C-alpha cells in the first residue's frame, strides 16, 4: 500500500538540476586547477578561482541537503542522494586543498606529471558532467552511465601510474633538495586524492544504477 501511495505522489525532481549545477561548477574548478599547474604568474589568481568555485559548490550541496529534509518524495533513495552529492563535493573540496598547499608553499612551477594529472582531473570532471543529468532517465540511460563510470575508473588507474612515476622522477631530480621533494610529494598526494574522489563519484553512480535498474 505504501509503495502504491508513493508512486502517486509528485516527486521532487530538482535534485537532478542541483547535481548538474554542482558538476558544472566542479568542472570549472578542475579547469582552473589544470591551468594553474602550467605555472606562471596566474597561479595565485587561479587558486582563488578554485576557492570561489568550491564555495559555490558548498552552497549547492547545502541546497541538496535542505531539499532532502523538506521533500516528502524523492526521485532516488535519500541515502543515495546524500552519498552522491557528498562524494561530488569531496572532489572539489580536495581541489581546494590542493590549491591551499600551492598557496602555502608559494609554488609557481610544476612537474610534467603533475600537469598530466591535472588533465586527467579535467577529463574526469567532464565525464561527471555528462553522467549526472542521465540519472533522471536511469532505465533508458543505464548503459551509457555504466560506460561513463567505467571510463572514470580507468582515469583513476592512469592517475595512479602518473602519481608513482612522478614521485620517482621527483626523487631523482630533487634527492639533494629535501624540502622540494617533500613539498612536491605533498602536491602529488593531493592530486591523486582528487582523482580518487572522482572514482568515489563513479562508484556512487554505479550503485544507484544497480539499485534502480
Protein backbone atom coordinates (compact mmCIF):
# COMPACT_ATOMS: atom_id res chain seq x y z
CA UNK A 1 0.00 0.00 0.00
CA UNK A 2 2.81 2.44 0.89
CA UNK A 3 4.61 1.77 -2.40
CA UNK A 4 1.39 2.45 -4.35
CA UNK A 5 0.85 5.68 -2.40
CA UNK A 6 4.42 6.84 -3.05
CA UNK A 7 4.03 6.12 -6.77
CA UNK A 8 1.06 8.51 -6.94
CA UNK A 9 2.75 11.34 -5.07
CA UNK A 10 4.65 14.03 -7.04
CA UNK A 11 8.42 13.68 -6.70
CA UNK A 12 10.87 16.48 -6.09
CA UNK A 13 12.90 16.41 -9.31
CA UNK A 14 15.12 19.44 -8.72
CA UNK A 15 17.83 17.23 -7.24
CA UNK A 16 18.91 16.33 -10.77
CA UNK A 17 19.29 20.00 -11.63
CA UNK A 18 21.36 20.53 -8.49
CA UNK A 19 23.60 17.58 -9.34
CA UNK A 20 24.15 19.07 -12.79
CA UNK A 21 24.93 22.53 -11.42
CA UNK A 22 27.40 21.07 -8.94
CA UNK A 23 29.11 19.03 -11.66
CA UNK A 24 29.46 22.12 -13.85
CA UNK A 25 31.00 24.12 -11.00
CA UNK A 26 33.38 21.24 -10.31
CA UNK A 27 34.42 21.17 -13.96
CA UNK A 28 35.18 24.90 -13.82
CA UNK A 29 37.36 24.30 -10.75
CA UNK A 30 39.11 21.39 -12.49
CA UNK A 31 39.87 23.58 -15.50
CA UNK A 32 41.31 26.25 -13.21
CA UNK A 33 43.46 23.62 -11.47
CA UNK A 34 44.74 22.28 -14.78
CA UNK A 35 45.59 25.80 -15.94
CA UNK A 36 47.24 26.52 -12.59
CA UNK A 37 49.54 23.51 -12.99
CA UNK A 38 51.04 25.10 -16.09
CA UNK A 39 52.66 27.56 -13.68
CA UNK A 40 53.47 31.21 -14.18
CA UNK A 41 52.01 34.48 -12.99
CA UNK A 42 48.38 33.33 -12.88
CA UNK A 43 48.86 30.75 -10.11
CA UNK A 44 47.57 32.98 -7.30
CA UNK A 45 44.52 34.11 -9.27
CA UNK A 46 43.66 30.53 -10.22
CA UNK A 47 43.98 29.35 -6.62
CA UNK A 48 41.44 32.00 -5.67
CA UNK A 49 39.19 30.89 -8.51
CA UNK A 50 39.24 27.31 -7.21
CA UNK A 51 38.32 28.53 -3.74
CA UNK A 52 35.47 30.61 -5.16
CA UNK A 53 34.16 27.60 -7.07
CA UNK A 54 34.45 25.39 -4.01
CA UNK A 55 32.34 27.87 -2.02
CA UNK A 56 29.77 27.87 -4.82
CA UNK A 57 29.67 24.07 -4.76
CA UNK A 58 29.19 24.09 -0.99
CA UNK A 59 26.09 26.25 -1.43
CA UNK A 60 24.64 23.76 -3.91
CA UNK A 61 25.40 20.90 -1.53
CA UNK A 62 23.59 22.70 1.28
CA UNK A 63 20.63 23.22 -1.04
CA UNK A 64 20.53 19.46 -1.71
CA UNK A 65 20.64 18.66 2.00
CA UNK A 66 17.89 21.19 2.72
CA UNK A 67 15.81 19.71 -0.08
CA UNK A 68 16.19 16.25 1.42
CA UNK A 69 14.82 17.47 4.73
CA UNK A 70 11.86 19.23 3.12
CA UNK A 71 10.89 16.75 0.39
CA UNK A 72 8.32 14.07 1.15
CA UNK A 73 9.05 12.05 -2.01
CA UNK A 74 12.49 11.97 -3.61
CA UNK A 75 13.36 10.62 -7.09
CA UNK A 76 16.12 8.45 -5.65
CA UNK A 77 16.72 6.89 -2.26
CA UNK A 78 17.54 9.62 0.26
CA UNK A 79 20.77 7.89 1.23
CA UNK A 80 21.83 7.68 -2.41
CA UNK A 81 21.19 11.39 -2.93
CA UNK A 82 23.17 12.29 0.18
CA UNK A 83 26.07 9.96 -0.69
CA UNK A 84 26.27 11.17 -4.29
CA UNK A 85 26.32 14.89 -3.53
CA UNK A 86 28.80 14.27 -0.70
CA UNK A 87 31.19 12.41 -2.99
CA UNK A 88 30.84 15.13 -5.64
CA UNK A 89 31.56 17.80 -3.05
CA UNK A 90 34.56 15.88 -1.76
CA UNK A 91 36.13 16.08 -5.23
CA UNK A 92 36.03 19.87 -5.41
CA UNK A 93 36.98 20.15 -1.72
CA UNK A 94 40.13 18.20 -2.50
CA UNK A 95 40.91 20.53 -5.40
CA UNK A 96 40.69 23.41 -2.95
CA UNK A 97 43.00 21.59 -0.55
CA UNK A 98 45.49 21.23 -3.41
CA UNK A 99 45.24 24.96 -4.12
CA UNK A 100 45.81 25.72 -0.43
CA UNK A 101 49.05 23.70 -0.43
CA UNK A 102 50.22 25.50 -3.56
CA UNK A 103 49.39 28.85 -1.96
CA UNK A 104 51.06 27.91 1.33
CA UNK A 105 54.36 26.98 -0.29
CA UNK A 106 54.16 29.75 -2.92
CA UNK A 107 54.69 27.31 -5.79
CA UNK A 108 54.91 28.76 -9.28
CA UNK A 109 56.17 25.83 -11.37
CA UNK A 110 55.06 22.23 -11.54
CA UNK A 111 56.34 18.88 -12.78
CA UNK A 112 55.16 17.44 -16.08
CA UNK A 113 53.49 14.50 -14.37
CA UNK A 114 51.52 16.94 -12.19
CA UNK A 115 50.30 18.70 -15.31
CA UNK A 116 49.24 15.37 -16.81
CA UNK A 117 47.31 14.57 -13.63
CA UNK A 118 45.61 17.96 -13.98
CA UNK A 119 44.50 16.96 -17.48
CA UNK A 120 43.06 13.72 -16.11
CA UNK A 121 41.15 15.64 -13.44
CA UNK A 122 39.52 17.75 -16.17
CA UNK A 123 38.61 14.60 -18.11
CA UNK A 124 37.06 13.04 -15.00
CA UNK A 125 35.07 16.21 -14.28
CA UNK A 126 33.75 16.26 -17.85
CA UNK A 127 32.64 12.65 -17.54
CA UNK A 128 30.79 13.57 -14.35
CA UNK A 129 29.10 16.48 -16.15
CA UNK A 130 27.98 14.00 -18.81
CA UNK A 131 26.82 11.39 -16.29
CA UNK A 132 24.78 13.13 -13.62
CA UNK A 133 21.99 14.52 -15.87
CA UNK A 134 21.37 10.96 -17.10
CA UNK A 135 20.28 9.92 -13.60
CA UNK A 136 16.86 11.39 -14.31
CA UNK A 137 16.41 8.71 -17.01
CA UNK A 138 18.01 5.72 -15.32
CA UNK A 139 16.24 2.94 -17.21
CA UNK A 140 16.90 4.45 -20.60
CA UNK A 141 20.45 5.62 -19.89
CA UNK A 142 21.84 2.83 -17.71
CA UNK A 143 24.22 1.52 -20.38
CA UNK A 144 25.61 5.00 -21.03
CA UNK A 145 26.00 5.60 -17.30
CA UNK A 146 27.91 2.33 -16.92
CA UNK A 147 30.20 3.34 -19.78
CA UNK A 148 30.90 6.75 -18.26
CA UNK A 149 31.63 5.41 -14.79
CA UNK A 150 33.93 2.74 -16.19
CA UNK A 151 35.88 5.46 -18.01
CA UNK A 152 36.17 7.47 -14.78
CA UNK A 153 37.62 4.43 -13.04
CA UNK A 154 40.12 3.91 -15.87
CA UNK A 155 41.23 7.52 -15.46
CA UNK A 156 41.89 6.86 -11.78
CA UNK A 157 44.18 3.98 -12.77
CA UNK A 158 46.06 6.26 -15.17
CA UNK A 159 46.42 8.89 -12.44
CA UNK A 160 47.84 6.29 -10.04
CA UNK A 161 50.52 5.44 -12.58
CA UNK A 162 51.36 9.11 -13.15
CA UNK A 163 51.50 9.66 -9.39
CA UNK A 164 54.01 6.84 -8.91
CA UNK A 165 56.13 7.79 -11.91
CA UNK A 166 56.08 11.44 -10.90
CA UNK A 167 57.21 10.75 -7.35
CA UNK A 168 60.04 8.58 -8.62
CA UNK A 169 61.19 11.29 -11.03
CA UNK A 170 60.87 13.87 -8.26
CA UNK A 171 63.16 11.79 -6.07
CA UNK A 172 65.73 11.51 -8.84
CA UNK A 173 65.59 15.24 -9.59
CA UNK A 174 65.37 16.53 -6.01
CA UNK A 175 67.33 13.94 -3.99
CA UNK A 176 69.61 16.72 -2.72
CA UNK A 177 66.70 19.11 -2.07
CA UNK A 178 64.75 17.57 0.78
CA UNK A 179 62.20 20.38 1.17
CA UNK A 180 61.44 20.49 -2.55
CA UNK A 181 60.96 16.73 -2.55
CA UNK A 182 58.61 16.80 0.45
CA UNK A 183 56.52 19.65 -0.97
CA UNK A 184 56.35 18.04 -4.41
CA UNK A 185 55.29 14.74 -2.86
CA UNK A 186 52.50 16.51 -0.99
CA UNK A 187 51.20 18.09 -4.19
CA UNK A 188 51.24 14.69 -5.91
CA UNK A 189 49.34 13.21 -2.98
CA UNK A 190 46.61 15.83 -3.16
CA UNK A 191 46.24 15.45 -6.93
CA UNK A 192 45.90 11.70 -6.52
CA UNK A 193 43.20 12.24 -3.90
CA UNK A 194 41.25 14.48 -6.28
CA UNK A 195 41.09 11.67 -8.82
CA UNK A 196 40.25 9.17 -6.07
CA UNK A 197 37.23 11.30 -5.16
CA UNK A 198 36.02 11.16 -8.76
CA UNK A 199 36.31 7.39 -8.56
CA UNK A 200 34.06 7.60 -5.49
CA UNK A 201 31.52 9.54 -7.57
CA UNK A 202 31.68 6.85 -10.25
CA UNK A 203 31.09 4.15 -7.64
CA UNK A 204 28.10 6.03 -6.19
CA UNK A 205 26.55 6.40 -9.64
CA UNK A 206 27.15 2.72 -10.38
CA UNK A 207 25.47 1.76 -7.12
CA UNK A 208 22.44 3.89 -7.99
CA UNK A 209 22.17 2.20 -11.39
CA UNK A 210 22.39 -1.26 -9.83
CA UNK A 211 19.74 -0.45 -7.22
CA UNK A 212 17.25 1.13 -9.60
CA UNK A 213 17.51 -0.69 -12.93
